[in-house]
Amino acid sequence: MFGILFGWTKASKCKKAIKRARFRLIQLKNKRQSIAMQLRKDLADLILNGHQQIAIQRVEQLIQDESLIAAYEMLDHFFDFILKQLSYIRKNKFVLFLIYLHKLICNCFTNPFS
């Protein structure tokens, strides 16, 4: 209850967790991007050397890597959105607390023995 009045401690924990997850996500995204870039070069070499069958198999891996990179970017945008909205969530939580407190006080005066 007092956490709402003096500051929402879960917000700072949430910020720290999101920042850690975001840092790890950036690392994974950079790793996948470098793998995809190298895979594109390998595909070009395979096609030039006449190994089309092997190149087709590698294209599937490239598509998977590109899909993962897109998913990582979406998660990064989602984390950014959450970080920007934490202050709104905190304010909204305080308003809900005031509404709950108002109902509790009204119930005490209307039904003092319940």
N, C-alpha and C. Protein backbone atom coordinates (compact mmCIF):
# COMPACT_ATOMS: atom_id res chain seq x y z
N MET A 1 0.82 -1.18 0.00
CA MET A 1 0.00 0.00 0.00
C MET A 1 0.87 1.25 0.00
N PHE A 2 1.91 1.29 0.84
CA PHE A 2 2.75 2.48 0.91
C PHE A 2 3.66 2.61 -0.30
N GLY A 3 3.87 1.49 -1.01
CA GLY A 3 4.66 1.55 -2.23
C GLY A 3 4.02 2.44 -3.27
N ILE A 4 2.70 2.51 -3.28
CA ILE A 4 1.99 3.36 -4.23
C ILE A 4 2.21 4.83 -3.88
N LEU A 5 2.21 5.14 -2.60
CA LEU A 5 2.36 6.54 -2.18
C LEU A 5 3.79 7.05 -2.35
N PHE A 6 4.77 6.20 -2.08
CA PHE A 6 6.17 6.65 -2.10
C PHE A 6 6.91 6.30 -3.39
N GLY A 7 6.27 5.63 -4.28
CA GLY A 7 6.92 5.24 -5.54
C GLY A 7 6.73 3.77 -5.79
N TRP A 8 6.55 3.45 -7.02
CA TRP A 8 6.26 2.08 -7.40
C TRP A 8 7.57 1.33 -7.57
N THR A 9 7.91 0.46 -6.63
CA THR A 9 9.18 -0.24 -6.67
C THR A 9 9.22 -1.28 -7.78
N LYS A 10 8.06 -1.78 -8.18
CA LYS A 10 8.05 -2.76 -9.25
C LYS A 10 8.46 -2.13 -10.57
N ALA A 11 8.25 -0.84 -10.71
CA ALA A 11 8.63 -0.16 -11.95
C ALA A 11 10.14 -0.19 -12.14
N SER A 12 10.89 0.05 -11.08
CA SER A 12 12.34 0.04 -11.21
C SER A 12 12.84 -1.37 -11.48
N LYS A 13 12.21 -2.37 -10.84
CA LYS A 13 12.59 -3.76 -11.12
C LYS A 13 12.26 -4.13 -12.56
N CYS A 14 11.12 -3.66 -13.02
CA CYS A 14 10.70 -3.93 -14.39
C CYS A 14 11.65 -3.26 -15.38
N LYS A 15 12.03 -2.02 -15.10
CA LYS A 15 12.97 -1.32 -15.97
C LYS A 15 14.30 -2.06 -16.06
N LYS A 16 14.80 -2.51 -14.91
CA LYS A 16 16.07 -3.23 -14.91
C LYS A 16 15.98 -4.53 -15.69
N ALA A 17 14.89 -5.26 -15.49
CA ALA A 17 14.71 -6.53 -16.20
C ALA A 17 14.59 -6.30 -17.70
N ILE A 18 13.86 -5.27 -18.09
CA ILE A 18 13.70 -4.98 -19.51
C ILE A 18 15.02 -4.54 -20.12
N LYS A 19 15.78 -3.74 -19.41
CA LYS A 19 17.08 -3.30 -19.94
C LYS A 19 18.04 -4.48 -20.10
N ARG A 20 18.02 -5.41 -19.13
CA ARG A 20 18.87 -6.60 -19.26
C ARG A 20 18.43 -7.45 -20.44
N ALA A 21 17.13 -7.65 -20.56
CA ALA A 21 16.60 -8.46 -21.67
C ALA A 21 16.89 -7.79 -23.01
N ARG A 22 16.76 -6.48 -23.03
CA ARG A 22 17.01 -5.74 -24.26
C ARG A 22 18.48 -5.82 -24.67
N PHE A 23 19.38 -5.75 -23.70
CA PHE A 23 20.81 -5.87 -23.99
C PHE A 23 21.12 -7.25 -24.56
N ARG A 24 20.54 -8.28 -23.96
CA ARG A 24 20.75 -9.64 -24.45
C ARG A 24 20.15 -9.81 -25.84
N LEU A 25 19.01 -9.20 -26.06
CA LEU A 25 18.35 -9.27 -27.36
C LEU A 25 19.20 -8.61 -28.44
N ILE A 26 19.81 -7.49 -28.11
CA ILE A 26 20.68 -6.80 -29.08
C ILE A 26 21.87 -7.68 -29.42
N GLN A 27 22.43 -8.36 -28.42
CA GLN A 27 23.54 -9.27 -28.69
C GLN A 27 23.12 -10.40 -29.62
N LEU A 28 21.98 -11.01 -29.34
CA LEU A 28 21.49 -12.10 -30.19
C LEU A 28 21.20 -11.61 -31.61
N LYS A 29 20.62 -10.42 -31.71
CA LYS A 29 20.30 -9.87 -33.02
C LYS A 29 21.57 -9.60 -33.83
N ASN A 30 22.59 -9.03 -33.19
CA ASN A 30 23.85 -8.78 -33.89
C ASN A 30 24.50 -10.08 -34.34
N LYS A 31 24.43 -11.09 -33.49
CA LYS A 31 25.00 -12.40 -33.84
C LYS A 31 24.29 -12.97 -35.06
N ARG A 32 22.95 -12.93 -35.06
CA ARG A 32 22.18 -13.47 -36.19
C ARG A 32 22.44 -12.66 -37.46
N GLN A 33 22.59 -11.35 -37.32
CA GLN A 33 22.85 -10.53 -38.50
C GLN A 33 24.20 -10.86 -39.12
N SER A 34 25.20 -11.09 -38.28
CA SER A 34 26.51 -11.45 -38.83
C SER A 34 26.48 -12.84 -39.47
N ILE A 35 25.72 -13.76 -38.87
CA ILE A 35 25.58 -15.10 -39.46
C ILE A 35 24.87 -15.00 -40.81
N ALA A 36 23.81 -14.19 -40.87
CA ALA A 36 23.06 -14.04 -42.12
C ALA A 36 23.92 -13.39 -43.20
N MET A 37 24.73 -12.41 -42.83
CA MET A 37 25.59 -11.76 -43.81
C MET A 37 26.62 -12.75 -44.37
N GLN A 38 27.21 -13.56 -43.50
CA GLN A 38 28.17 -14.55 -43.95
C GLN A 38 27.49 -15.62 -44.80
N LEU A 39 26.27 -15.98 -44.43
CA LEU A 39 25.52 -16.98 -45.18
C LEU A 39 25.19 -16.48 -46.58
N ARG A 40 24.88 -15.20 -46.71
CA ARG A 40 24.63 -14.63 -48.04
C ARG A 40 25.87 -14.72 -48.92
N LYS A 41 27.03 -14.43 -48.34
CA LYS A 41 28.28 -14.53 -49.11
C LYS A 41 28.54 -15.97 -49.52
N ASP A 42 28.30 -16.90 -48.60
CA ASP A 42 28.49 -18.32 -48.91
C ASP A 42 27.54 -18.78 -50.01
N LEU A 43 26.30 -18.29 -49.96
CA LEU A 43 25.33 -18.65 -50.99
C LEU A 43 25.78 -18.16 -52.37
N ALA A 44 26.30 -16.96 -52.42
CA ALA A 44 26.79 -16.42 -53.70
C ALA A 44 27.94 -17.27 -54.23
N ASP A 45 28.85 -17.67 -53.34
CA ASP A 45 29.97 -18.52 -53.76
C ASP A 45 29.49 -19.89 -54.23
N LEU A 46 28.52 -20.47 -53.52
CA LEU A 46 28.00 -21.78 -53.91
C LEU A 46 27.32 -21.73 -55.27
N ILE A 47 26.56 -20.68 -55.52
CA ILE A 47 25.87 -20.57 -56.81
C ILE A 47 26.88 -20.36 -57.94
N LEU A 48 27.90 -19.55 -57.68
CA LEU A 48 28.93 -19.32 -58.71
C LEU A 48 29.71 -20.59 -59.02
N ASN A 49 29.88 -21.46 -58.03
CA ASN A 49 30.64 -22.69 -58.23
C ASN A 49 29.77 -23.85 -58.72
N GLY A 50 28.46 -23.62 -58.87
CA GLY A 50 27.59 -24.65 -59.43
C GLY A 50 27.01 -25.62 -58.41
N HIS A 51 26.98 -25.28 -57.15
CA HIS A 51 26.42 -26.15 -56.11
C HIS A 51 25.03 -25.64 -55.71
N GLN A 52 24.09 -25.71 -56.66
CA GLN A 52 22.76 -25.16 -56.42
C GLN A 52 21.99 -25.94 -55.36
N GLN A 53 22.15 -27.26 -55.30
CA GLN A 53 21.40 -28.06 -54.34
C GLN A 53 21.78 -27.69 -52.90
N ILE A 54 23.05 -27.52 -52.65
CA ILE A 54 23.51 -27.12 -51.31
C ILE A 54 23.04 -25.68 -51.02
N ALA A 55 23.05 -24.84 -52.04
CA ALA A 55 22.61 -23.44 -51.87
C ALA A 55 21.14 -23.38 -51.47
N ILE A 56 20.31 -24.27 -52.03
CA ILE A 56 18.89 -24.29 -51.69
C ILE A 56 18.70 -24.63 -50.21
N GLN A 57 19.48 -25.57 -49.71
CA GLN A 57 19.39 -25.93 -48.29
C GLN A 57 19.82 -24.76 -47.40
N ARG A 58 20.81 -24.06 -47.83
CA ARG A 58 21.29 -22.92 -47.04
C ARG A 58 20.32 -21.73 -47.08
N VAL A 59 19.57 -21.62 -48.16
CA VAL A 59 18.58 -20.54 -48.27
C VAL A 59 17.52 -20.71 -47.18
N GLU A 60 17.13 -21.95 -46.89
CA GLU A 60 16.17 -22.20 -45.82
C GLU A 60 16.70 -21.69 -44.48
N GLN A 61 17.99 -21.93 -44.24
CA GLN A 61 18.59 -21.44 -43.00
C GLN A 61 18.63 -19.91 -42.99
N LEU A 62 18.90 -19.31 -44.14
CA LEU A 62 18.92 -17.84 -44.23
C LEU A 62 17.53 -17.26 -43.95
N ILE A 63 16.50 -17.91 -44.46
CA ILE A 63 15.13 -17.44 -44.21
C ILE A 63 14.81 -17.53 -42.72
N GLN A 64 15.23 -18.60 -42.07
CA GLN A 64 15.00 -18.73 -40.63
C GLN A 64 15.74 -17.65 -39.86
N ASP A 65 16.97 -17.38 -40.25
CA ASP A 65 17.74 -16.33 -39.57
C ASP A 65 17.11 -14.95 -39.77
N GLU A 66 16.64 -14.67 -40.98
CA GLU A 66 15.99 -13.39 -41.25
C GLU A 66 14.69 -13.26 -40.44
N SER A 67 13.97 -14.37 -40.29
CA SER A 67 12.74 -14.34 -39.48
C SER A 67 13.06 -14.07 -38.02
N LEU A 68 14.13 -14.68 -37.51
CA LEU A 68 14.54 -14.43 -36.13
C LEU A 68 14.95 -12.97 -35.93
N ILE A 69 15.66 -12.42 -36.89
CA ILE A 69 16.07 -11.02 -36.79
C ILE A 69 14.85 -10.11 -36.74
N ALA A 70 13.85 -10.40 -37.57
CA ALA A 70 12.62 -9.60 -37.56
C ALA A 70 11.89 -9.73 -36.22
N ALA A 71 11.87 -10.95 -35.66
CA ALA A 71 11.23 -11.15 -34.35
C ALA A 71 11.98 -10.39 -33.26
N TYR A 72 13.31 -10.41 -33.32
CA TYR A 72 14.10 -9.66 -32.34
C TYR A 72 13.82 -8.16 -32.44
N GLU A 73 13.66 -7.65 -33.65
CA GLU A 73 13.35 -6.23 -33.81
C GLU A 73 11.98 -5.89 -33.24
N MET A 74 11.01 -6.78 -33.45
CA MET A 74 9.68 -6.55 -32.88
C MET A 74 9.73 -6.55 -31.36
N LEU A 75 10.48 -7.48 -30.78
CA LEU A 75 10.62 -7.51 -29.32
C LEU A 75 11.31 -6.25 -28.81
N ASP A 76 12.29 -5.76 -29.54
CA ASP A 76 12.98 -4.54 -29.14
C ASP A 76 12.01 -3.35 -29.14
N HIS A 77 11.16 -3.26 -30.14
CA HIS A 77 10.16 -2.19 -30.18
C HIS A 77 9.16 -2.34 -29.03
N PHE A 78 8.80 -3.58 -28.73
CA PHE A 78 7.87 -3.84 -27.63
C PHE A 78 8.48 -3.42 -26.30
N PHE A 79 9.75 -3.76 -26.07
CA PHE A 79 10.44 -3.35 -24.84
C PHE A 79 10.50 -1.83 -24.75
N ASP A 80 10.79 -1.17 -25.86
CA ASP A 80 10.85 0.29 -25.88
C ASP A 80 9.49 0.88 -25.53
N PHE A 81 8.42 0.31 -26.05
CA PHE A 81 7.07 0.77 -25.75
C PHE A 81 6.76 0.62 -24.27
N ILE A 82 7.13 -0.50 -23.69
CA ILE A 82 6.86 -0.72 -22.26
C ILE A 82 7.63 0.29 -21.42
N LEU A 83 8.89 0.53 -21.75
CA LEU A 83 9.68 1.50 -20.99
C LEU A 83 9.08 2.90 -21.06
N LYS A 84 8.53 3.25 -22.21
CA LYS A 84 7.93 4.58 -22.35
C LYS A 84 6.61 4.68 -21.61
N GLN A 85 5.90 3.57 -21.42
CA GLN A 85 4.57 3.60 -20.81
C GLN A 85 4.58 3.31 -19.31
N LEU A 86 5.73 3.07 -18.71
CA LEU A 86 5.77 2.74 -17.28
C LEU A 86 5.22 3.87 -16.41
N SER A 87 5.49 5.10 -16.77
CA SER A 87 4.97 6.21 -15.96
C SER A 87 3.45 6.26 -16.04
N TYR A 88 2.89 5.98 -17.22
CA TYR A 88 1.44 5.94 -17.36
C TYR A 88 0.85 4.80 -16.53
N ILE A 89 1.50 3.65 -16.56
CA ILE A 89 1.03 2.51 -15.77
C ILE A 89 1.04 2.85 -14.29
N ARG A 90 2.07 3.54 -13.86
CA ARG A 90 2.17 3.93 -12.45
C ARG A 90 1.04 4.88 -12.07
N LYS A 91 0.78 5.87 -12.91
CA LYS A 91 -0.30 6.82 -12.63
C LYS A 91 -1.65 6.12 -12.61
N ASN A 92 -1.85 5.22 -13.56
CA ASN A 92 -3.11 4.49 -13.65
C ASN A 92 -3.30 3.61 -12.42
N LYS A 93 -2.23 3.01 -11.93
CA LYS A 93 -2.31 2.17 -10.74
C LYS A 93 -2.70 3.01 -9.52
N PHE A 94 -2.17 4.23 -9.42
CA PHE A 94 -2.51 5.11 -8.31
C PHE A 94 -3.98 5.50 -8.36
N VAL A 95 -4.50 5.78 -9.54
CA VAL A 95 -5.92 6.12 -9.69
C VAL A 95 -6.79 4.94 -9.27
N LEU A 96 -6.41 3.74 -9.68
CA LEU A 96 -7.17 2.55 -9.28
C LEU A 96 -7.14 2.37 -7.76
N PHE A 97 -6.01 2.68 -7.14
CA PHE A 97 -5.90 2.60 -5.69
C PHE A 97 -6.86 3.60 -5.02
N LEU A 98 -6.94 4.81 -5.56
CA LEU A 98 -7.85 5.82 -4.99
C LEU A 98 -9.31 5.40 -5.15
N ILE A 99 -9.65 4.82 -6.28
CA ILE A 99 -11.02 4.34 -6.48
C ILE A 99 -11.35 3.23 -5.48
N TYR A 100 -10.40 2.30 -5.31
CA TYR A 100 -10.61 1.22 -4.35
C TYR A 100 -10.75 1.78 -2.94
N LEU A 101 -9.93 2.74 -2.58
CA LEU A 101 -9.98 3.35 -1.26
C LEU A 101 -11.32 4.08 -1.05
N HIS A 102 -11.80 4.76 -2.07
CA HIS A 102 -13.09 5.44 -1.99
C HIS A 102 -14.21 4.45 -1.74
N LYS A 103 -14.21 3.34 -2.47
CA LYS A 103 -15.25 2.32 -2.28
C LYS A 103 -15.17 1.72 -0.88
N LEU A 104 -13.97 1.50 -0.40
CA LEU A 104 -13.78 0.92 0.93
C LEU A 104 -14.31 1.87 2.01
N ILE A 105 -14.02 3.15 1.88
CA ILE A 105 -14.50 4.13 2.86
C ILE A 105 -16.02 4.25 2.79
N CYS A 106 -16.57 4.27 1.59
CA CYS A 106 -18.03 4.35 1.45
C CYS A 106 -18.70 3.13 2.06
N ASN A 107 -18.12 1.96 1.88
CA ASN A 107 -18.69 0.74 2.46
C ASN A 107 -18.62 0.78 3.98
N CYS A 108 -17.60 1.37 4.52
CA CYS A 108 -17.48 1.45 5.98
C CYS A 108 -18.57 2.33 6.58
N PHE A 109 -18.95 3.40 5.87
CA PHE A 109 -19.97 4.30 6.40
C PHE A 109 -21.38 3.78 6.14
N THR A 110 -21.58 3.06 5.05
CA THR A 110 -22.93 2.55 4.77
C THR A 110 -23.22 1.28 5.55
N ASN A 111 -22.24 0.40 5.67
CA ASN A 111 -22.39 -0.86 6.41
C ASN A 111 -21.27 -0.96 7.45
N PRO A 112 -21.41 -0.33 8.59
CA PRO A 112 -20.30 -0.28 9.54
C PRO A 112 -19.95 -1.63 10.15
N PHE A 113 -20.85 -2.61 10.14
CA PHE A 113 -20.57 -3.88 10.79
C PHE A 113 -20.36 -5.01 9.80
N SER A 114 -20.09 -4.70 8.55
CA SER A 114 -19.89 -5.78 7.58
C SER A 114 -18.44 -5.92 7.21
